[in-house]
Amino acid sequence: MRRSAVSIASNIAEGAARATDKEFIHFLHITLGSLAELDTQYILAKELQFTEGSLKVKQGSRMLEN
């Protein structure tokens, strides 16, 4: 999950450093894939009870508790 989260930020940064909007958009599409991976990993961790106690995730301006 950490690798996916780092990949998301890294792809945005790399895309922003590119010369054209087309290249930036390409990296944003890659970022969407990393987001989907992270979402899937979160769902699996929750379903397989890989977390100890309550898992708290900040989403937008509200806190979700699972």
N, C-alpha and C. Protein backbone atom coordinates (compact mmCIF):
# COMPACT_ATOMS: atom_id res chain seq x y z
N MET A 1 0.83 -1.18 0.00
CA MET A 1 0.00 0.00 0.00
C MET A 1 0.88 1.25 0.00
N ARG A 2 1.98 1.18 0.72
CA ARG A 2 2.88 2.34 0.74
C ARG A 2 3.46 2.61 -0.63
N ARG A 3 3.83 1.54 -1.33
CA ARG A 3 4.41 1.71 -2.66
C ARG A 3 3.40 2.34 -3.61
N SER A 4 2.14 1.92 -3.53
CA SER A 4 1.11 2.51 -4.38
C SER A 4 0.92 3.99 -4.06
N ALA A 5 0.91 4.32 -2.78
CA ALA A 5 0.72 5.71 -2.38
C ALA A 5 1.88 6.58 -2.86
N VAL A 6 3.10 6.07 -2.75
CA VAL A 6 4.27 6.81 -3.23
C VAL A 6 4.22 6.94 -4.75
N SER A 7 3.79 5.90 -5.41
CA SER A 7 3.70 5.92 -6.87
C SER A 7 2.73 6.98 -7.36
N ILE A 8 1.64 7.16 -6.65
CA ILE A 8 0.64 8.17 -7.03
C ILE A 8 1.27 9.56 -7.04
N ALA A 9 1.89 9.92 -5.94
CA ALA A 9 2.52 11.25 -5.85
C ALA A 9 3.67 11.39 -6.83
N SER A 10 4.44 10.34 -7.00
CA SER A 10 5.59 10.38 -7.91
C SER A 10 5.16 10.56 -9.36
N ASN A 11 4.12 9.87 -9.76
CA ASN A 11 3.65 10.00 -11.15
C ASN A 11 3.10 11.40 -11.43
N ILE A 12 2.42 11.98 -10.47
CA ILE A 12 1.92 13.34 -10.66
C ILE A 12 3.11 14.30 -10.79
N ALA A 13 4.10 14.14 -9.92
CA ALA A 13 5.27 15.02 -9.97
C ALA A 13 6.03 14.85 -11.28
N GLU A 14 6.22 13.62 -11.70
CA GLU A 14 6.93 13.37 -12.95
C GLU A 14 6.17 13.95 -14.14
N GLY A 15 4.87 13.77 -14.16
CA GLY A 15 4.06 14.31 -15.25
C GLY A 15 4.09 15.83 -15.29
N ALA A 16 4.06 16.44 -14.11
CA ALA A 16 4.08 17.90 -14.03
C ALA A 16 5.40 18.47 -14.55
N ALA A 17 6.46 17.68 -14.46
CA ALA A 17 7.78 18.13 -14.91
C ALA A 17 7.98 17.95 -16.41
N ARG A 18 7.06 17.30 -17.07
CA ARG A 18 7.19 17.07 -18.51
C ARG A 18 6.90 18.35 -19.29
N ALA A 19 7.30 18.34 -20.54
CA ALA A 19 7.25 19.55 -21.36
C ALA A 19 5.87 19.86 -21.92
N THR A 20 5.04 18.85 -22.11
CA THR A 20 3.76 19.10 -22.77
C THR A 20 2.59 18.64 -21.91
N ASP A 21 1.42 19.22 -22.18
CA ASP A 21 0.20 18.80 -21.49
C ASP A 21 -0.13 17.35 -21.81
N LYS A 22 0.16 16.92 -23.04
CA LYS A 22 -0.12 15.54 -23.44
C LYS A 22 0.66 14.55 -22.58
N GLU A 23 1.92 14.86 -22.32
CA GLU A 23 2.73 13.99 -21.46
C GLU A 23 2.21 14.01 -20.03
N PHE A 24 1.82 15.18 -19.54
CA PHE A 24 1.27 15.29 -18.19
C PHE A 24 0.00 14.44 -18.06
N ILE A 25 -0.87 14.53 -19.03
CA ILE A 25 -2.11 13.75 -19.01
C ILE A 25 -1.80 12.25 -19.02
N HIS A 26 -0.78 11.87 -19.79
CA HIS A 26 -0.36 10.46 -19.81
C HIS A 26 -0.02 9.98 -18.40
N PHE A 27 0.75 10.79 -17.67
CA PHE A 27 1.12 10.41 -16.31
C PHE A 27 -0.07 10.46 -15.35
N LEU A 28 -1.02 11.31 -15.61
CA LEU A 28 -2.25 11.30 -14.79
C LEU A 28 -3.03 10.01 -15.00
N HIS A 29 -3.02 9.49 -16.22
CA HIS A 29 -3.67 8.20 -16.47
C HIS A 29 -2.95 7.07 -15.74
N ILE A 30 -1.64 7.12 -15.72
CA ILE A 30 -0.88 6.13 -14.95
C ILE A 30 -1.24 6.24 -13.47
N THR A 31 -1.40 7.47 -12.99
CA THR A 31 -1.78 7.72 -11.60
C THR A 31 -3.13 7.09 -11.28
N LEU A 32 -4.06 7.16 -12.20
CA LEU A 32 -5.37 6.53 -11.97
C LEU A 32 -5.23 5.03 -11.75
N GLY A 33 -4.31 4.40 -12.48
CA GLY A 33 -4.05 2.98 -12.27
C GLY A 33 -3.51 2.70 -10.88
N SER A 34 -2.60 3.55 -10.42
CA SER A 34 -2.05 3.40 -9.08
C SER A 34 -3.13 3.61 -8.02
N LEU A 35 -4.02 4.55 -8.26
CA LEU A 35 -5.13 4.77 -7.33
C LEU A 35 -6.04 3.55 -7.25
N ALA A 36 -6.30 2.94 -8.40
CA ALA A 36 -7.13 1.73 -8.42
C ALA A 36 -6.44 0.59 -7.65
N GLU A 37 -5.13 0.48 -7.80
CA GLU A 37 -4.38 -0.54 -7.05
C GLU A 37 -4.51 -0.29 -5.55
N LEU A 38 -4.32 0.95 -5.13
CA LEU A 38 -4.40 1.28 -3.71
C LEU A 38 -5.80 1.02 -3.17
N ASP A 39 -6.80 1.36 -3.93
CA ASP A 39 -8.18 1.11 -3.52
C ASP A 39 -8.43 -0.38 -3.34
N THR A 40 -7.95 -1.18 -4.28
CA THR A 40 -8.10 -2.64 -4.20
C THR A 40 -7.36 -3.20 -2.99
N GLN A 41 -6.16 -2.72 -2.75
CA GLN A 41 -5.38 -3.19 -1.61
C GLN A 41 -6.06 -2.83 -0.29
N TYR A 42 -6.66 -1.65 -0.23
CA TYR A 42 -7.38 -1.25 0.97
C TYR A 42 -8.58 -2.17 1.21
N ILE A 43 -9.33 -2.44 0.16
CA ILE A 43 -10.51 -3.32 0.28
C ILE A 43 -10.08 -4.71 0.75
N LEU A 44 -9.02 -5.24 0.13
CA LEU A 44 -8.53 -6.57 0.52
C LEU A 44 -8.05 -6.59 1.96
N ALA A 45 -7.30 -5.58 2.37
CA ALA A 45 -6.80 -5.52 3.75
C ALA A 45 -7.96 -5.49 4.74
N LYS A 46 -8.99 -4.75 4.38
CA LYS A 46 -10.18 -4.67 5.25
C LYS A 46 -10.90 -6.01 5.29
N GLU A 47 -11.15 -6.59 4.12
CA GLU A 47 -11.89 -7.86 4.05
C GLU A 47 -11.13 -9.02 4.70
N LEU A 48 -9.82 -9.02 4.55
CA LEU A 48 -9.01 -10.10 5.11
C LEU A 48 -8.55 -9.80 6.54
N GLN A 49 -9.02 -8.69 7.07
CA GLN A 49 -8.74 -8.27 8.45
C GLN A 49 -7.25 -8.19 8.73
N PHE A 50 -6.53 -7.54 7.81
CA PHE A 50 -5.09 -7.35 7.98
C PHE A 50 -4.78 -6.16 8.88
N THR A 51 -5.79 -5.44 9.30
CA THR A 51 -5.57 -4.28 10.16
C THR A 51 -5.87 -4.66 11.60
N GLU A 52 -5.20 -3.99 12.50
CA GLU A 52 -5.44 -4.21 13.92
C GLU A 52 -6.34 -3.10 14.43
N GLY A 53 -7.40 -3.48 15.09
CA GLY A 53 -8.30 -2.48 15.64
C GLY A 53 -9.04 -1.72 14.56
N SER A 54 -9.35 -0.49 14.85
CA SER A 54 -10.11 0.35 13.95
C SER A 54 -9.18 1.02 12.95
N LEU A 55 -9.51 0.94 11.69
CA LEU A 55 -8.75 1.61 10.65
C LEU A 55 -9.44 2.92 10.33
N LYS A 56 -8.71 4.00 10.44
CA LYS A 56 -9.29 5.32 10.18
C LYS A 56 -8.67 5.88 8.92
N VAL A 57 -9.50 6.33 8.02
CA VAL A 57 -9.06 6.89 6.76
C VAL A 57 -9.69 8.24 6.57
N LYS A 58 -8.89 9.25 6.32
CA LYS A 58 -9.43 10.58 6.08
C LYS A 58 -9.77 10.70 4.61
N GLN A 59 -11.01 10.96 4.32
CA GLN A 59 -11.48 11.11 2.95
C GLN A 59 -12.14 12.47 2.81
N GLY A 60 -11.53 13.33 2.02
CA GLY A 60 -12.07 14.67 1.88
C GLY A 60 -12.03 15.39 3.21
N SER A 61 -13.16 15.91 3.63
CA SER A 61 -13.20 16.66 4.88
C SER A 61 -13.81 15.84 6.01
N ARG A 62 -14.04 14.55 5.78
CA ARG A 62 -14.63 13.75 6.85
C ARG A 62 -13.73 12.54 7.16
N MET A 63 -13.88 12.02 8.34
CA MET A 63 -13.09 10.87 8.78
C MET A 63 -13.99 9.64 8.72
N LEU A 64 -13.48 8.60 8.06
CA LEU A 64 -14.21 7.35 7.99
C LEU A 64 -13.59 6.38 8.98
N GLU A 65 -14.41 5.69 9.74
CA GLU A 65 -13.92 4.68 10.65
C GLU A 65 -14.51 3.35 10.25
N ASN A 66 -13.63 2.35 10.15
CA ASN A 66 -14.07 1.00 9.78
C ASN A 66 -13.71 0.03 10.87
